[in-house]
Amino acid sequence: MIRVSPRGGHRASNSHRISPPTAYGERLALACGEYVDRFLHLDDVLHTHRPEGPHNHLAFFTVTEEPCRVRRARTVLTTSNARMGHFC
């Protein structure tokens, strides 16, 4: 994970087996625009509560209330939860 300070500095943490995305801070700032501080705060909160050992991540996502999208979201969550249960 890359930790991004509001001044644009970075510090790397090697607590994950997957390398962070290239130019994470810059890409985050571009994607979030004026809300980048909120996402940096969320990143800090998640980092603070991250388990020490192996763990899973489930991304945040939303869907419109169209039935096909709700079914797809339900399937994604059900499948993810089942797969994560196998890793415990």
N, C-alpha and C. Protein backbone atom coordinates (compact mmCIF):
# COMPACT_ATOMS: atom_id res chain seq x y z
N MET A 1 0.84 -1.17 0.00
CA MET A 1 0.00 0.00 0.00
C MET A 1 0.88 1.24 0.00
N ILE A 2 0.45 2.24 -0.68
CA ILE A 2 1.16 3.52 -0.67
C ILE A 2 0.38 4.48 0.20
N ARG A 3 1.04 5.08 1.11
CA ARG A 3 0.44 6.10 1.96
C ARG A 3 0.73 7.45 1.31
N VAL A 4 -0.26 8.26 1.13
CA VAL A 4 -0.11 9.53 0.44
C VAL A 4 -0.40 10.66 1.41
N SER A 5 0.54 11.57 1.56
CA SER A 5 0.30 12.72 2.41
C SER A 5 -0.36 13.81 1.59
N PRO A 6 -1.08 14.73 2.22
CA PRO A 6 -1.72 15.83 1.47
C PRO A 6 -0.70 16.65 0.68
N ARG A 7 0.57 16.63 1.08
CA ARG A 7 1.59 17.39 0.37
C ARG A 7 2.15 16.61 -0.82
N GLY A 8 1.63 15.42 -1.07
CA GLY A 8 2.07 14.66 -2.22
C GLY A 8 3.21 13.70 -1.94
N GLY A 9 3.66 13.60 -0.69
CA GLY A 9 4.71 12.65 -0.35
C GLY A 9 4.16 11.25 -0.26
N HIS A 10 5.00 10.26 -0.40
CA HIS A 10 4.56 8.87 -0.37
C HIS A 10 5.45 8.09 0.59
N ARG A 11 4.88 7.09 1.19
CA ARG A 11 5.69 6.12 1.91
C ARG A 11 5.09 4.76 1.65
N ALA A 12 5.92 3.81 1.40
CA ALA A 12 5.45 2.48 1.02
C ALA A 12 5.38 1.58 2.25
N SER A 13 4.41 0.71 2.24
CA SER A 13 4.29 -0.31 3.27
C SER A 13 4.30 -1.66 2.57
N ASN A 14 5.13 -2.55 3.01
CA ASN A 14 5.24 -3.87 2.36
C ASN A 14 4.41 -4.91 3.08
N SER A 15 3.29 -4.53 3.68
CA SER A 15 2.48 -5.47 4.42
C SER A 15 1.60 -6.33 3.52
N HIS A 16 1.56 -6.06 2.24
CA HIS A 16 0.74 -6.84 1.32
C HIS A 16 1.63 -7.60 0.34
N ARG A 17 1.08 -8.70 -0.14
CA ARG A 17 1.82 -9.49 -1.12
C ARG A 17 1.72 -8.89 -2.52
N ILE A 18 0.75 -8.04 -2.74
CA ILE A 18 0.54 -7.43 -4.06
C ILE A 18 1.16 -6.04 -4.04
N SER A 19 1.90 -5.73 -5.07
CA SER A 19 2.50 -4.40 -5.17
C SER A 19 1.41 -3.35 -5.38
N PRO A 20 1.62 -2.16 -4.84
CA PRO A 20 0.64 -1.10 -5.06
C PRO A 20 0.62 -0.68 -6.53
N PRO A 21 -0.48 -0.10 -6.97
CA PRO A 21 -0.54 0.37 -8.35
C PRO A 21 0.51 1.45 -8.61
N THR A 22 0.96 1.50 -9.82
CA THR A 22 1.92 2.53 -10.22
C THR A 22 1.29 3.91 -10.05
N ALA A 23 2.04 4.84 -9.49
CA ALA A 23 1.61 6.23 -9.31
C ALA A 23 0.28 6.31 -8.56
N TYR A 24 0.16 5.53 -7.50
CA TYR A 24 -1.11 5.45 -6.74
C TYR A 24 -1.60 6.83 -6.30
N GLY A 25 -0.73 7.61 -5.68
CA GLY A 25 -1.14 8.92 -5.17
C GLY A 25 -1.65 9.84 -6.26
N GLU A 26 -0.95 9.87 -7.36
CA GLU A 26 -1.35 10.74 -8.47
C GLU A 26 -2.67 10.27 -9.08
N ARG A 27 -2.81 8.96 -9.24
CA ARG A 27 -4.03 8.41 -9.82
C ARG A 27 -5.22 8.63 -8.89
N LEU A 28 -4.98 8.48 -7.58
CA LEU A 28 -6.04 8.71 -6.61
C LEU A 28 -6.49 10.16 -6.65
N ALA A 29 -5.53 11.08 -6.68
CA ALA A 29 -5.85 12.51 -6.73
C ALA A 29 -6.63 12.85 -8.00
N LEU A 30 -6.25 12.27 -9.11
CA LEU A 30 -6.95 12.54 -10.36
C LEU A 30 -8.37 11.98 -10.32
N ALA A 31 -8.53 10.79 -9.78
CA ALA A 31 -9.85 10.15 -9.74
C ALA A 31 -10.78 10.83 -8.74
N CYS A 32 -10.24 11.30 -7.62
CA CYS A 32 -11.07 11.83 -6.54
C CYS A 32 -11.25 13.34 -6.61
N GLY A 33 -10.37 14.02 -7.31
CA GLY A 33 -10.49 15.47 -7.43
C GLY A 33 -10.51 16.15 -6.08
N GLU A 34 -11.50 17.02 -5.89
CA GLU A 34 -11.57 17.81 -4.66
C GLU A 34 -11.85 16.95 -3.42
N TYR A 35 -12.23 15.69 -3.61
CA TYR A 35 -12.56 14.81 -2.48
C TYR A 35 -11.38 13.92 -2.07
N VAL A 36 -10.21 14.16 -2.60
CA VAL A 36 -9.06 13.29 -2.33
C VAL A 36 -8.78 13.19 -0.83
N ASP A 37 -8.96 14.25 -0.07
CA ASP A 37 -8.71 14.19 1.37
C ASP A 37 -9.63 13.19 2.06
N ARG A 38 -10.85 13.08 1.59
CA ARG A 38 -11.79 12.10 2.16
C ARG A 38 -11.32 10.68 1.90
N PHE A 39 -10.82 10.44 0.70
CA PHE A 39 -10.34 9.10 0.38
C PHE A 39 -9.04 8.79 1.11
N LEU A 40 -8.21 9.80 1.32
CA LEU A 40 -7.00 9.60 2.11
C LEU A 40 -7.36 9.27 3.56
N HIS A 41 -8.38 9.92 4.09
CA HIS A 41 -8.84 9.62 5.44
C HIS A 41 -9.37 8.18 5.51
N LEU A 42 -10.18 7.79 4.55
CA LEU A 42 -10.68 6.40 4.49
C LEU A 42 -9.51 5.43 4.44
N ASP A 43 -8.52 5.72 3.62
CA ASP A 43 -7.33 4.88 3.50
C ASP A 43 -6.64 4.75 4.86
N ASP A 44 -6.52 5.86 5.58
CA ASP A 44 -5.90 5.83 6.91
C ASP A 44 -6.71 4.97 7.89
N VAL A 45 -8.03 5.13 7.87
CA VAL A 45 -8.88 4.35 8.77
C VAL A 45 -8.75 2.86 8.46
N LEU A 46 -8.81 2.51 7.20
CA LEU A 46 -8.67 1.10 6.82
C LEU A 46 -7.30 0.56 7.21
N HIS A 47 -6.27 1.37 7.02
CA HIS A 47 -4.92 0.95 7.38
C HIS A 47 -4.80 0.72 8.89
N THR A 48 -5.42 1.57 9.68
CA THR A 48 -5.37 1.46 11.13
C THR A 48 -6.02 0.17 11.62
N HIS A 49 -7.06 -0.27 10.95
CA HIS A 49 -7.82 -1.45 11.39
C HIS A 49 -7.50 -2.71 10.59
N ARG A 50 -6.44 -2.68 9.82
CA ARG A 50 -6.06 -3.82 9.00
C ARG A 50 -5.48 -4.93 9.87
N PRO A 51 -5.93 -6.17 9.72
CA PRO A 51 -5.37 -7.28 10.49
C PRO A 51 -3.90 -7.51 10.15
N GLU A 52 -3.17 -8.04 11.11
CA GLU A 52 -1.75 -8.32 10.89
C GLU A 52 -1.54 -9.49 9.93
N GLY A 53 -2.32 -10.52 10.07
CA GLY A 53 -2.14 -11.74 9.27
C GLY A 53 -2.84 -11.66 7.93
N PRO A 54 -2.81 -12.77 7.22
CA PRO A 54 -3.48 -12.83 5.90
C PRO A 54 -4.96 -12.48 6.04
N HIS A 55 -5.46 -11.72 5.10
CA HIS A 55 -6.85 -11.29 5.13
C HIS A 55 -7.33 -10.98 3.73
N ASN A 56 -8.61 -10.79 3.60
CA ASN A 56 -9.22 -10.50 2.30
C ASN A 56 -9.70 -9.05 2.26
N HIS A 57 -9.83 -8.55 1.06
CA HIS A 57 -10.37 -7.21 0.85
C HIS A 57 -11.61 -7.34 -0.02
N LEU A 58 -12.62 -6.60 0.33
CA LEU A 58 -13.81 -6.52 -0.50
C LEU A 58 -14.02 -5.05 -0.82
N ALA A 59 -14.02 -4.73 -2.08
CA ALA A 59 -14.13 -3.34 -2.51
C ALA A 59 -15.53 -2.80 -2.25
N PHE A 60 -15.61 -1.50 -2.15
CA PHE A 60 -16.90 -0.83 -2.06
C PHE A 60 -17.46 -0.73 -3.48
N PHE A 61 -18.74 -0.96 -3.61
CA PHE A 61 -19.35 -0.74 -4.92
C PHE A 61 -20.83 -0.47 -4.73
N THR A 62 -21.41 0.19 -5.70
CA THR A 62 -22.84 0.47 -5.67
C THR A 62 -23.42 0.13 -7.03
N VAL A 63 -24.70 -0.11 -7.02
CA VAL A 63 -25.41 -0.35 -8.28
C VAL A 63 -26.71 0.42 -8.25
N THR A 64 -27.23 0.68 -9.43
CA THR A 64 -28.56 1.29 -9.51
C THR A 64 -29.58 0.22 -9.14
N GLU A 65 -30.80 0.63 -8.91
CA GLU A 65 -31.81 -0.31 -8.45
C GLU A 65 -32.46 -1.12 -9.57
N GLU A 66 -31.81 -1.19 -10.71
CA GLU A 66 -32.33 -2.03 -11.79
C GLU A 66 -32.19 -3.49 -11.38
N PRO A 67 -33.23 -4.31 -11.60
CA PRO A 67 -33.19 -5.71 -11.14
C PRO A 67 -31.97 -6.49 -11.62
N CYS A 68 -31.55 -6.30 -12.86
CA CYS A 68 -30.40 -7.06 -13.36
C CYS A 68 -29.12 -6.66 -12.63
N ARG A 69 -28.99 -5.41 -12.28
CA ARG A 69 -27.79 -4.95 -11.56
C ARG A 69 -27.81 -5.42 -10.10
N VAL A 70 -29.00 -5.42 -9.49
CA VAL A 70 -29.12 -5.90 -8.12
C VAL A 70 -28.78 -7.38 -8.07
N ARG A 71 -29.28 -8.17 -9.02
CA ARG A 71 -28.96 -9.61 -9.07
C ARG A 71 -27.46 -9.82 -9.24
N ARG A 72 -26.84 -9.04 -10.11
CA ARG A 72 -25.41 -9.17 -10.34
C ARG A 72 -24.63 -8.83 -9.07
N ALA A 73 -25.02 -7.77 -8.40
CA ALA A 73 -24.35 -7.38 -7.15
C ALA A 73 -24.52 -8.45 -6.09
N ARG A 74 -25.71 -9.00 -5.98
CA ARG A 74 -25.96 -10.07 -5.01
C ARG A 74 -25.08 -11.28 -5.31
N THR A 75 -24.94 -11.61 -6.58
CA THR A 75 -24.09 -12.74 -6.98
C THR A 75 -22.63 -12.47 -6.63
N VAL A 76 -22.16 -11.27 -6.90
CA VAL A 76 -20.77 -10.91 -6.59
C VAL A 76 -20.52 -11.04 -5.09
N LEU A 77 -21.41 -10.50 -4.28
CA LEU A 77 -21.24 -10.56 -2.82
C LEU A 77 -21.32 -11.99 -2.30
N THR A 78 -22.29 -12.75 -2.78
CA THR A 78 -22.44 -14.14 -2.34
C THR A 78 -21.21 -14.96 -2.70
N THR A 79 -20.73 -14.81 -3.91
CA THR A 79 -19.55 -15.54 -4.35
C THR A 79 -18.32 -15.12 -3.57
N SER A 80 -18.15 -13.82 -3.37
CA SER A 80 -17.00 -13.32 -2.62
C SER A 80 -17.01 -13.84 -1.19
N ASN A 81 -18.17 -13.78 -0.54
CA ASN A 81 -18.28 -14.27 0.83
C ASN A 81 -17.99 -15.76 0.91
N ALA A 82 -18.47 -16.52 -0.04
CA ALA A 82 -18.20 -17.96 -0.04
C ALA A 82 -16.71 -18.24 -0.23
N ARG A 83 -16.09 -17.52 -1.15
CA ARG A 83 -14.66 -17.73 -1.38
C ARG A 83 -13.83 -17.31 -0.17
N MET A 84 -14.21 -16.20 0.46
CA MET A 84 -13.45 -15.74 1.63
C MET A 84 -13.61 -16.71 2.79
N GLY A 85 -14.76 -17.36 2.87
CA GLY A 85 -14.97 -18.35 3.92
C GLY A 85 -14.01 -19.52 3.82
N HIS A 86 -13.55 -19.83 2.62
CA HIS A 86 -12.60 -20.92 2.40
C HIS A 86 -11.19 -20.56 2.85
N PHE A 87 -10.90 -19.28 2.99
CA PHE A 87 -9.56 -18.85 3.37
C PHE A 87 -9.39 -18.71 4.87
N CYS A 88 -10.48 -18.80 5.62
CA CYS A 88 -10.39 -18.61 7.08
C CYS A 88 -9.76 -19.82 7.75
